[in-house]
Amino acid sequence: MSVVSVYAIFGSADEAERIGRTAIEERLAACINILGPVRSIYRWQGAIECAEEVGAILKTSNEQADALIARIAGLHSYDVPCIVTWPIDKILGSYADWVEGSVG
């Protein structure tokens, strides 16, 4: 089993916490780090938009990543949420064991 980070953007810290807590309760993620507000500039429906959003990083196993992405998307307020995985090249063995033991 390998560990991956799932990076997602949310409309608010409350949304990130609600979805992150659900993912942890359902053993799809070991933890979520809710980051401070980010300023996003993006193109949406033909217009340039700016918004204050909240980034978050969830840790899970590679095997649970697809299920976690689907669950986040299903609970998310956005029509097209940013949800991506970042592979982890190096990891402390005891931390990897904890993540792997916390999901699935």
PDB file of N, CA and C in Angstrom:
ATOM      1  N   MET A   1       0.851  -1.173   0.000  1.00  0.00           N
ATOM      2  CA  MET A   1       0.000   0.000   0.000  1.00  0.00           C
ATOM      3  C   MET A   1       0.896   1.234   0.000  1.00  0.00           C
ATOM      4  N   SER A   2       0.497   2.275  -0.740  1.00  0.00           N
ATOM      5  CA  SER A   2       1.268   3.512  -0.740  1.00  0.00           C
ATOM      6  C   SER A   2       0.362   4.673  -0.353  1.00  0.00           C
ATOM      7  N   VAL A   3       0.973   5.718   0.147  1.00  0.00           N
ATOM      8  CA  VAL A   3       0.248   6.876   0.636  1.00  0.00           C
ATOM      9  C   VAL A   3       0.273   7.970  -0.426  1.00  0.00           C
ATOM     10  N   VAL A   4      -0.857   8.657  -0.596  1.00  0.00           N
ATOM     11  CA  VAL A   4      -0.943   9.804  -1.492  1.00  0.00           C
ATOM     12  C   VAL A   4      -1.591  10.957  -0.752  1.00  0.00           C
ATOM     13  N   SER A   5      -1.327  12.166  -1.221  1.00  0.00           N
ATOM     14  CA  SER A   5      -2.016  13.359  -0.743  1.00  0.00           C
ATOM     15  C   SER A   5      -3.091  13.704  -1.751  1.00  0.00           C
ATOM     16  N   VAL A   6      -4.248  14.064  -1.261  1.00  0.00           N
ATOM     17  CA  VAL A   6      -5.335  14.546  -2.115  1.00  0.00           C
ATOM     18  C   VAL A   6      -5.506  16.016  -1.791  1.00  0.00           C
ATOM     19  N   TYR A   7      -5.269  16.854  -2.794  1.00  0.00           N
ATOM     20  CA  TYR A   7      -5.407  18.294  -2.645  1.00  0.00           C
ATOM     21  C   TYR A   7      -6.766  18.705  -3.180  1.00  0.00           C
ATOM     22  N   ALA A   8      -7.485  19.518  -2.423  1.00  0.00           N
ATOM     23  CA  ALA A   8      -8.799  19.982  -2.856  1.00  0.00           C
ATOM     24  C   ALA A   8      -8.986  21.433  -2.451  1.00  0.00           C
ATOM     25  N   ILE A   9      -9.824  22.123  -3.203  1.00  0.00           N
ATOM     26  CA  ILE A   9     -10.188  23.503  -2.914  1.00  0.00           C
ATOM     27  C   ILE A   9     -11.669  23.523  -2.540  1.00  0.00           C
ATOM     28  N   PHE A  10     -12.002  24.277  -1.503  1.00  0.00           N
ATOM     29  CA  PHE A  10     -13.374  24.366  -1.013  1.00  0.00           C
ATOM     30  C   PHE A  10     -13.825  25.818  -0.969  1.00  0.00           C
ATOM     31  N   GLY A  11     -15.124  26.013  -0.952  1.00  0.00           N
ATOM     32  CA  GLY A  11     -15.683  27.356  -0.902  1.00  0.00           C
ATOM     33  C   GLY A  11     -15.531  28.032   0.451  1.00  0.00           C
ATOM     34  N   SER A  12     -15.319  27.242   1.513  1.00  0.00           N
ATOM     35  CA  SER A  12     -15.165  27.805   2.854  1.00  0.00           C
ATOM     36  C   SER A  12     -14.467  26.794   3.753  1.00  0.00           C
ATOM     37  N   ALA A  13     -13.977  27.289   4.883  1.00  0.00           N
ATOM     38  CA  ALA A  13     -13.366  26.400   5.869  1.00  0.00           C
ATOM     39  C   ALA A  13     -14.401  25.444   6.442  1.00  0.00           C
ATOM     40  N   ASP A  14     -15.624  25.914   6.603  1.00  0.00           N
ATOM     41  CA  ASP A  14     -16.688  25.050   7.119  1.00  0.00           C
ATOM     42  C   ASP A  14     -16.943  23.876   6.181  1.00  0.00           C
ATOM     43  N   GLU A  15     -16.970  24.142   4.873  1.00  0.00           N
ATOM     44  CA  GLU A  15     -17.177  23.064   3.908  1.00  0.00           C
ATOM     45  C   GLU A  15     -16.014  22.076   3.942  1.00  0.00           C
ATOM     46  N   ALA A  16     -14.795  22.595   4.004  1.00  0.00           N
ATOM     47  CA  ALA A  16     -13.622  21.719   4.075  1.00  0.00           C
ATOM     48  C   ALA A  16     -13.686  20.840   5.318  1.00  0.00           C
ATOM     49  N   GLU A  17     -14.060  21.420   6.458  1.00  0.00           N
ATOM     50  CA  GLU A  17     -14.139  20.647   7.698  1.00  0.00           C
ATOM     51  C   GLU A  17     -15.241  19.591   7.630  1.00  0.00           C
ATOM     52  N   ARG A  18     -16.394  19.969   7.113  1.00  0.00           N
ATOM     53  CA  ARG A  18     -17.519  19.028   7.025  1.00  0.00           C
ATOM     54  C   ARG A  18     -17.171  17.845   6.125  1.00  0.00           C
ATOM     55  N   ILE A  19     -16.618  18.127   4.964  1.00  0.00           N
ATOM     56  CA  ILE A  19     -16.282  17.055   4.028  1.00  0.00           C
ATOM     57  C   ILE A  19     -15.094  16.248   4.552  1.00  0.00           C
ATOM     58  N   GLY A  20     -14.103  16.914   5.123  1.00  0.00           N
ATOM     59  CA  GLY A  20     -12.952  16.209   5.681  1.00  0.00           C
ATOM     60  C   GLY A  20     -13.347  15.287   6.817  1.00  0.00           C
ATOM     61  N   ARG A  21     -14.200  15.767   7.699  1.00  0.00           N
ATOM     62  CA  ARG A  21     -14.667  14.939   8.828  1.00  0.00           C
ATOM     63  C   ARG A  21     -15.420  13.708   8.317  1.00  0.00           C
ATOM     64  N   THR A  22     -16.265  13.894   7.301  1.00  0.00           N
ATOM     65  CA  THR A  22     -16.988  12.768   6.713  1.00  0.00           C
ATOM     66  C   THR A  22     -16.018  11.745   6.138  1.00  0.00           C
ATOM     67  N   ALA A  23     -15.007  12.217   5.416  1.00  0.00           N
ATOM     68  CA  ALA A  23     -14.016  11.314   4.807  1.00  0.00           C
ATOM     69  C   ALA A  23     -13.266  10.526   5.873  1.00  0.00           C
ATOM     70  N   ILE A  24     -12.951  11.170   6.977  1.00  0.00           N
ATOM     71  CA  ILE A  24     -12.235  10.483   8.064  1.00  0.00           C
ATOM     72  C   ILE A  24     -13.164   9.497   8.763  1.00  0.00           C
ATOM     73  N   GLU A  25     -14.394   9.909   9.039  1.00  0.00           N
ATOM     74  CA  GLU A  25     -15.354   9.001   9.674  1.00  0.00           C
ATOM     75  C   GLU A  25     -15.593   7.753   8.820  1.00  0.00           C
ATOM     76  N   GLU A  26     -15.603   7.932   7.505  1.00  0.00           N
ATOM     77  CA  GLU A  26     -15.839   6.811   6.591  1.00  0.00           C
ATOM     78  C   GLU A  26     -14.557   6.054   6.227  1.00  0.00           C
ATOM     79  N   ARG A  27     -13.455   6.411   6.869  1.00  0.00           N
ATOM     80  CA  ARG A  27     -12.150   5.766   6.690  1.00  0.00           C
ATOM     81  C   ARG A  27     -11.633   5.869   5.256  1.00  0.00           C
ATOM     82  N   LEU A  28     -12.001   6.948   4.575  1.00  0.00           N
ATOM     83  CA  LEU A  28     -11.472   7.214   3.241  1.00  0.00           C
ATOM     84  C   LEU A  28     -10.193   8.036   3.316  1.00  0.00           C
ATOM     85  N   ALA A  29     -10.015   8.756   4.416  1.00  0.00           N
ATOM     86  CA  ALA A  29      -8.813   9.566   4.638  1.00  0.00           C
ATOM     87  C   ALA A  29      -8.366   9.400   6.081  1.00  0.00           C
ATOM     88  N   ALA A  30      -7.053   9.492   6.290  1.00  0.00           N
ATOM     89  CA  ALA A  30      -6.515   9.419   7.647  1.00  0.00           C
ATOM     90  C   ALA A  30      -6.605  10.770   8.343  1.00  0.00           C
ATOM     91  N   CYS A  31      -6.441  11.860   7.574  1.00  0.00           N
ATOM     92  CA  CYS A  31      -6.499  13.195   8.155  1.00  0.00           C
ATOM     93  C   CYS A  31      -6.698  14.225   7.053  1.00  0.00           C
ATOM     94  N   ILE A  32      -7.045  15.416   7.479  1.00  0.00           N
ATOM     95  CA  ILE A  32      -7.143  16.562   6.580  1.00  0.00           C
ATOM     96  C   ILE A  32      -6.408  17.723   7.221  1.00  0.00           C
ATOM     97  N   ASN A  33      -5.616  18.431   6.441  1.00  0.00           N
ATOM     98  CA  ASN A  33      -4.995  19.684   6.862  1.00  0.00           C
ATOM     99  C   ASN A  33      -5.722  20.792   6.122  1.00  0.00           C
ATOM    100  N   ILE A  34      -6.464  21.601   6.861  1.00  0.00           N
ATOM    101  CA  ILE A  34      -7.211  22.700   6.260  1.00  0.00           C
ATOM    102  C   ILE A  34      -6.304  23.925   6.295  1.00  0.00           C
ATOM    103  N   LEU A  35      -5.985  24.408   5.128  1.00  0.00           N
ATOM    104  CA  LEU A  35      -5.044  25.516   4.986  1.00  0.00           C
ATOM    105  C   LEU A  35      -5.789  26.844   5.080  1.00  0.00           C
ATOM    106  N   GLY A  36      -5.036  27.918   5.178  1.00  0.00           N
ATOM    107  CA  GLY A  36      -5.637  29.244   5.236  1.00  0.00           C
ATOM    108  C   GLY A  36      -6.293  29.622   3.917  1.00  0.00           C
ATOM    109  N   PRO A  37      -6.973  30.743   3.923  1.00  0.00           N
ATOM    110  CA  PRO A  37      -7.641  31.168   2.694  1.00  0.00           C
ATOM    111  C   PRO A  37      -6.633  31.376   1.562  1.00  0.00           C
ATOM    112  N   VAL A  38      -7.084  31.074   0.365  1.00  0.00           N
ATOM    113  CA  VAL A  38      -6.282  31.314  -0.837  1.00  0.00           C
ATOM    114  C   VAL A  38      -7.107  32.204  -1.766  1.00  0.00           C
ATOM    115  N   ARG A  39      -6.423  33.007  -2.522  1.00  0.00           N
ATOM    116  CA  ARG A  39      -7.086  33.847  -3.520  1.00  0.00           C
ATOM    117  C   ARG A  39      -6.946  33.138  -4.850  1.00  0.00           C
ATOM    118  N   SER A  40      -8.062  32.792  -5.466  1.00  0.00           N
ATOM    119  CA  SER A  40      -8.059  32.057  -6.729  1.00  0.00           C
ATOM    120  C   SER A  40      -8.524  32.964  -7.858  1.00  0.00           C
ATOM    121  N   ILE A  41      -7.824  32.878  -8.980  1.00  0.00           N
ATOM    122  CA  ILE A  41      -8.203  33.573 -10.208  1.00  0.00           C
ATOM    123  C   ILE A  41      -8.338  32.501 -11.269  1.00  0.00           C
ATOM    124  N   TYR A  42      -9.482  32.437 -11.925  1.00  0.00           N
ATOM    125  CA  TYR A  42      -9.744  31.337 -12.855  1.00  0.00           C
ATOM    126  C   TYR A  42     -10.765  31.763 -13.907  1.00  0.00           C
ATOM    127  N   ARG A  43     -10.827  31.006 -14.984  1.00  0.00           N
ATOM    128  CA  ARG A  43     -11.823  31.237 -16.018  1.00  0.00           C
ATOM    129  C   ARG A  43     -13.000  30.298 -15.758  1.00  0.00           C
ATOM    130  N   TRP A  44     -14.208  30.865 -15.709  1.00  0.00           N
ATOM    131  CA  TRP A  44     -15.411  30.062 -15.501  1.00  0.00           C
ATOM    132  C   TRP A  44     -16.516  30.592 -16.395  1.00  0.00           C
ATOM    133  N   GLN A  45     -17.042  29.736 -17.232  1.00  0.00           N
ATOM    134  CA  GLN A  45     -18.128  30.064 -18.151  1.00  0.00           C
ATOM    135  C   GLN A  45     -17.823  31.319 -18.956  1.00  0.00           C
ATOM    136  N   GLY A  46     -16.566  31.375 -19.452  1.00  0.00           N
ATOM    137  CA  GLY A  46     -16.154  32.443 -20.357  1.00  0.00           C
ATOM    138  C   GLY A  46     -15.693  33.725 -19.700  1.00  0.00           C
ATOM    139  N   ALA A  47     -15.745  33.824 -18.396  1.00  0.00           N
ATOM    140  CA  ALA A  47     -15.337  35.047 -17.701  1.00  0.00           C
ATOM    141  C   ALA A  47     -14.193  34.749 -16.736  1.00  0.00           C
ATOM    142  N   ILE A  48     -13.358  35.746 -16.499  1.00  0.00           N
ATOM    143  CA  ILE A  48     -12.302  35.640 -15.496  1.00  0.00           C
ATOM    144  C   ILE A  48     -12.931  35.966 -14.141  1.00  0.00           C
ATOM    145  N   GLU A  49     -12.790  35.056 -13.198  1.00  0.00           N
ATOM    146  CA  GLU A  49     -13.372  35.195 -11.860  1.00  0.00           C
ATOM    147  C   GLU A  49     -12.266  35.252 -10.805  1.00  0.00           C
ATOM    148  N   CYS A  50     -12.556  35.859  -9.687  1.00  0.00           N
ATOM    149  CA  CYS A  50     -11.682  35.872  -8.513  1.00  0.00           C
ATOM    150  C   CYS A  50     -12.522  35.436  -7.313  1.00  0.00           C
ATOM    151  N   ALA A  51     -11.931  34.634  -6.458  1.00  0.00           N
ATOM    152  CA  ALA A  51     -12.666  34.174  -5.277  1.00  0.00           C
ATOM    153  C   ALA A  51     -11.698  33.869  -4.152  1.00  0.00           C
ATOM    154  N   GLU A  52     -12.176  34.025  -2.929  1.00  0.00           N
ATOM    155  CA  GLU A  52     -11.430  33.550  -1.771  1.00  0.00           C
ATOM    156  C   GLU A  52     -11.927  32.144  -1.480  1.00  0.00           C
ATOM    157  N   GLU A  53     -11.013  31.196  -1.454  1.00  0.00           N
ATOM    158  CA  GLU A  53     -11.353  29.793  -1.237  1.00  0.00           C
ATOM    159  C   GLU A  53     -10.444  29.236  -0.149  1.00  0.00           C
ATOM    160  N   VAL A  54     -10.632  27.967   0.174  1.00  0.00           N
ATOM    161  CA  VAL A  54      -9.831  27.307   1.203  1.00  0.00           C
ATOM    162  C   VAL A  54      -9.247  26.030   0.609  1.00  0.00           C
ATOM    163  N   GLY A  55      -7.938  25.893   0.699  1.00  0.00           N
ATOM    164  CA  GLY A  55      -7.280  24.678   0.251  1.00  0.00           C
ATOM    165  C   GLY A  55      -7.170  23.683   1.390  1.00  0.00           C
ATOM    166  N   ALA A  56      -7.096  22.411   1.031  1.00  0.00           N
ATOM    167  CA  ALA A  56      -6.929  21.368   2.040  1.00  0.00           C
ATOM    168  C   ALA A  56      -6.154  20.214   1.438  1.00  0.00           C
ATOM    169  N   ILE A  57      -5.427  19.514   2.295  1.00  0.00           N
ATOM    170  CA  ILE A  57      -4.672  18.330   1.897  1.00  0.00           C
ATOM    171  C   ILE A  57      -5.140  17.173   2.766  1.00  0.00           C
ATOM    172  N   LEU A  58      -5.608  16.127   2.120  1.00  0.00           N
ATOM    173  CA  LEU A  58      -6.034  14.914   2.813  1.00  0.00           C
ATOM    174  C   LEU A  58      -5.015  13.820   2.512  1.00  0.00           C
ATOM    175  N   LYS A  59      -4.727  12.974   3.495  1.00  0.00           N
ATOM    176  CA  LYS A  59      -3.825  11.842   3.289  1.00  0.00           C
ATOM    177  C   LYS A  59      -4.611  10.553   3.296  1.00  0.00           C
ATOM    178  N   THR A  60      -4.307   9.704   2.313  1.00  0.00           N
ATOM    179  CA  THR A  60      -5.000   8.430   2.175  1.00  0.00           C
ATOM    180  C   THR A  60      -4.073   7.431   1.506  1.00  0.00           C
ATOM    181  N   SER A  61      -4.557   6.222   1.333  1.00  0.00           N
ATOM    182  CA  SER A  61      -3.801   5.211   0.593  1.00  0.00           C
ATOM    183  C   SER A  61      -4.102   5.359  -0.894  1.00  0.00           C
ATOM    184  N   ASN A  62      -3.191   4.916  -1.710  1.00  0.00           N
ATOM    185  CA  ASN A  62      -3.403   4.925  -3.152  1.00  0.00           C
ATOM    186  C   ASN A  62      -4.666   4.146  -3.511  1.00  0.00           C
ATOM    187  N   GLU A  63      -4.927   3.063  -2.776  1.00  0.00           N
ATOM    188  CA  GLU A  63      -6.087   2.223  -3.034  1.00  0.00           C
ATOM    189  C   GLU A  63      -7.399   2.939  -2.732  1.00  0.00           C
ATOM    190  N   GLN A  64      -7.398   3.871  -1.792  1.00  0.00           N
ATOM    191  CA  GLN A  64      -8.619   4.589  -1.404  1.00  0.00           C
ATOM    192  C   GLN A  64      -8.780   5.912  -2.143  1.00  0.00           C
ATOM    193  N   ALA A  65      -7.782   6.324  -2.918  1.00  0.00           N
ATOM    194  CA  ALA A  65      -7.792   7.655  -3.533  1.00  0.00           C
ATOM    195  C   ALA A  65      -9.005   7.871  -4.433  1.00  0.00           C
ATOM    196  N   ASP A  66      -9.330   6.912  -5.288  1.00  0.00           N
ATOM    197  CA  ASP A  66     -10.472   7.097  -6.190  1.00  0.00           C
ATOM    198  C   ASP A  66     -11.780   7.235  -5.415  1.00  0.00           C
ATOM    199  N   ALA A  67     -11.962   6.429  -4.397  1.00  0.00           N
ATOM    200  CA  ALA A  67     -13.177   6.510  -3.583  1.00  0.00           C
ATOM    201  C   ALA A  67     -13.243   7.843  -2.844  1.00  0.00           C
ATOM    202  N   LEU A  68     -12.098   8.317  -2.350  1.00  0.00           N
ATOM    203  CA  LEU A  68     -12.060   9.599  -1.653  1.00  0.00           C
ATOM    204  C   LEU A  68     -12.395  10.736  -2.612  1.00  0.00           C
ATOM    205  N   ILE A  69     -11.808  10.727  -3.795  1.00  0.00           N
ATOM    206  CA  ILE A  69     -12.090  11.768  -4.784  1.00  0.00           C
ATOM    207  C   ILE A  69     -13.583  11.782  -5.118  1.00  0.00           C
ATOM    208  N   ALA A  70     -14.158  10.625  -5.336  1.00  0.00           N
ATOM    209  CA  ALA A  70     -15.586  10.545  -5.670  1.00  0.00           C
ATOM    210  C   ALA A  70     -16.450  11.057  -4.516  1.00  0.00           C
ATOM    211  N   ARG A  71     -16.079  10.731  -3.297  1.00  0.00           N
ATOM    212  CA  ARG A  71     -16.863  11.160  -2.133  1.00  0.00           C
ATOM    213  C   ARG A  71     -16.780  12.670  -1.943  1.00  0.00           C
ATOM    214  N   ILE A  72     -15.576  13.235  -2.081  1.00  0.00           N
ATOM    215  CA  ILE A  72     -15.428  14.684  -1.983  1.00  0.00           C
ATOM    216  C   ILE A  72     -16.288  15.358  -3.052  1.00  0.00           C
ATOM    217  N   ALA A  73     -16.190  14.876  -4.280  1.00  0.00           N
ATOM    218  CA  ALA A  73     -16.951  15.467  -5.382  1.00  0.00           C
ATOM    219  C   ALA A  73     -18.455  15.392  -5.113  1.00  0.00           C
ATOM    220  N   GLY A  74     -18.916  14.289  -4.559  1.00  0.00           N
ATOM    221  CA  GLY A  74     -20.335  14.119  -4.282  1.00  0.00           C
ATOM    222  C   GLY A  74     -20.862  15.032  -3.190  1.00  0.00           C
ATOM    223  N   LEU A  75     -20.000  15.428  -2.267  1.00  0.00           N
ATOM    224  CA  LEU A  75     -20.402  16.297  -1.158  1.00  0.00           C
ATOM    225  C   LEU A  75     -20.123  17.779  -1.416  1.00  0.00           C
ATOM    226  N   HIS A  76     -19.359  18.057  -2.461  1.00  0.00           N
ATOM    227  CA  HIS A  76     -18.845  19.400  -2.727  1.00  0.00           C
ATOM    228  C   HIS A  76     -19.922  20.324  -3.268  1.00  0.00           C
ATOM    229  N   SER A  77     -19.803  21.609  -2.944  1.00  0.00           N
ATOM    230  CA  SER A  77     -20.768  22.606  -3.418  1.00  0.00           C
ATOM    231  C   SER A  77     -20.493  23.072  -4.851  1.00  0.00           C
ATOM    232  N   TYR A  78     -19.302  22.824  -5.370  1.00  0.00           N
ATOM    233  CA  TYR A  78     -18.959  23.284  -6.721  1.00  0.00           C
ATOM    234  C   TYR A  78     -19.414  22.275  -7.770  1.00  0.00           C
ATOM    235  N   ASP A  79     -19.766  22.778  -8.944  1.00  0.00           N
ATOM    236  CA  ASP A  79     -20.091  21.904 -10.074  1.00  0.00           C
ATOM    237  C   ASP A  79     -18.858  21.141 -10.550  1.00  0.00           C
ATOM    238  N   VAL A  80     -17.706  21.821 -10.555  1.00  0.00           N
ATOM    239  CA  VAL A  80     -16.451  21.222 -11.022  1.00  0.00           C
ATOM    240  C   VAL A  80     -15.367  21.524  -9.988  1.00  0.00           C
ATOM    241  N   PRO A  81     -15.311  20.750  -8.899  1.00  0.00           N
ATOM    242  CA  PRO A  81     -14.322  21.037  -7.859  1.00  0.00           C
ATOM    243  C   PRO A  81     -12.914  20.606  -8.265  1.00  0.00           C
ATOM    244  N   CYS A  82     -11.937  21.335  -7.741  1.00  0.00           N
ATOM    245  CA  CYS A  82     -10.535  20.947  -7.897  1.00  0.00           C
ATOM    246  C   CYS A  82     -10.243  19.860  -6.872  1.00  0.00           C
ATOM    247  N   ILE A  83      -9.956  18.651  -7.360  1.00  0.00           N
ATOM    248  CA  ILE A  83      -9.572  17.536  -6.487  1.00  0.00           C
ATOM    249  C   ILE A  83      -8.509  16.761  -7.244  1.00  0.00           C
ATOM    250  N   VAL A  84      -7.284  16.747  -6.735  1.00  0.00           N
ATOM    251  CA  VAL A  84      -6.185  16.073  -7.419  1.00  0.00           C
ATOM    252  C   VAL A  84      -5.356  15.277  -6.417  1.00  0.00           C
ATOM    253  N   THR A  85      -4.656  14.270  -6.891  1.00  0.00           N
ATOM    254  CA  THR A  85      -3.729  13.557  -6.017  1.00  0.00           C
ATOM    255  C   THR A  85      -2.311  13.999  -6.312  1.00  0.00           C
ATOM    256  N   TRP A  86      -1.523  14.010  -5.273  1.00  0.00           N
ATOM    257  CA  TRP A  86      -0.093  14.263  -5.363  1.00  0.00           C
ATOM    258  C   TRP A  86       0.610  13.027  -4.828  1.00  0.00           C
ATOM    259  N   PRO A  87       1.442  12.396  -5.641  1.00  0.00           N
ATOM    260  CA  PRO A  87       2.173  11.237  -5.121  1.00  0.00           C
ATOM    261  C   PRO A  87       3.181  11.688  -4.063  1.00  0.00           C
ATOM    262  N   ILE A  88       3.447  10.801  -3.151  1.00  0.00           N
ATOM    263  CA  ILE A  88       4.448  11.067  -2.110  1.00  0.00           C
ATOM    264  C   ILE A  88       5.664  10.215  -2.432  1.00  0.00           C
ATOM    265  N   ASP A  89       6.771  10.880  -2.665  1.00  0.00           N
ATOM    266  CA  ASP A  89       7.995  10.190  -3.044  1.00  0.00           C
ATOM    267  C   ASP A  89       8.716   9.580  -1.844  1.00  0.00           C
ATOM    268  N   LYS A  90       8.756  10.299  -0.753  1.00  0.00           N
ATOM    269  CA  LYS A  90       9.412   9.843   0.477  1.00  0.00           C
ATOM    270  C   LYS A  90       8.469  10.103   1.639  1.00  0.00           C
ATOM    271  N   ILE A  91       8.475   9.191   2.616  1.00  0.00           N
ATOM    272  CA  ILE A  91       7.585   9.345   3.768  1.00  0.00           C
ATOM    273  C   ILE A  91       8.181   8.625   4.974  1.00  0.00           C
ATOM    274  N   LEU A  92       8.005   9.189   6.134  1.00  0.00           N
ATOM    275  CA  LEU A  92       8.430   8.543   7.372  1.00  0.00           C
ATOM    276  C   LEU A  92       7.644   7.245   7.526  1.00  0.00           C
ATOM    277  N   GLY A  93       8.338   6.147   7.733  1.00  0.00           N
ATOM    278  CA  GLY A  93       7.698   4.834   7.787  1.00  0.00           C
ATOM    279  C   GLY A  93       6.567   4.735   8.795  1.00  0.00           C
ATOM    280  N   SER A  94       6.771   5.286   9.978  1.00  0.00           N
ATOM    281  CA  SER A  94       5.730   5.203  11.003  1.00  0.00           C
ATOM    282  C   SER A  94       4.506   6.027  10.615  1.00  0.00           C
ATOM    283  N   TYR A  95       4.712   7.131   9.899  1.00  0.00           N
ATOM    284  CA  TYR A  95       3.574   7.933   9.443  1.00  0.00           C
ATOM    285  C   TYR A  95       2.806   7.185   8.362  1.00  0.00           C
ATOM    286  N   ALA A  96       3.516   6.566   7.440  1.00  0.00           N
ATOM    287  CA  ALA A  96       2.862   5.763   6.393  1.00  0.00           C
ATOM    288  C   ALA A  96       2.045   4.639   7.019  1.00  0.00           C
ATOM    289  N   ASP A  97       2.614   3.987   8.027  1.00  0.00           N
ATOM    290  CA  ASP A  97       1.884   2.912   8.708  1.00  0.00           C
ATOM    291  C   ASP A  97       0.606   3.438   9.346  1.00  0.00           C
ATOM    292  N   TRP A  98       0.689   4.635   9.963  1.00  0.00           N
ATOM    293  CA  TRP A  98      -0.486   5.216  10.595  1.00  0.00           C
ATOM    294  C   TRP A  98      -1.575   5.535   9.554  1.00  0.00           C
ATOM    295  N   VAL A  99      -1.171   6.169   8.439  1.00  0.00           N
ATOM    296  CA  VAL A  99      -2.141   6.481   7.385  1.00  0.00           C
ATOM    297  C   VAL A  99      -2.801   5.205   6.886  1.00  0.00           C
ATOM    298  N   GLU A 100      -1.990   4.229   6.553  1.00  0.00           N
ATOM    299  CA  GLU A 100      -2.511   2.972   6.007  1.00  0.00           C
ATOM    300  C   GLU A 100      -3.425   2.263   7.002  1.00  0.00           C
ATOM    301  N   GLY A 101      -3.109   2.356   8.290  1.00  0.00           N
ATOM    302  CA  GLY A 101      -3.946   1.724   9.301  1.00  0.00           C
ATOM    303  C   GLY A 101      -5.241   2.482   9.598  1.00  0.00           C
ATOM    304  N   SER A 102      -5.292   3.740   9.153  1.00  0.00           N
ATOM    305  CA  SER A 102      -6.450   4.588   9.437  1.00  0.00           C
ATOM    306  C   SER A 102      -7.500   4.574   8.342  1.00  0.00           C
ATOM    307  N   VAL A 103      -7.159   4.024   7.186  1.00  0.00           N
ATOM    308  CA  VAL A 103      -8.103   4.006   6.055  1.00  0.00           C
ATOM    309  C   VAL A 103      -8.437   2.573   5.689  1.00  0.00           C
ATOM    310  N   GLY A 104      -9.502   2.434   4.921  1.00  0.00           N
ATOM    311  CA  GLY A 104      -9.841   1.108   4.410  1.00  0.00           C
ATOM    312  C   GLY A 104     -10.875   0.386   5.218  1.00  0.00           C
TER     313      GLY A 104
END
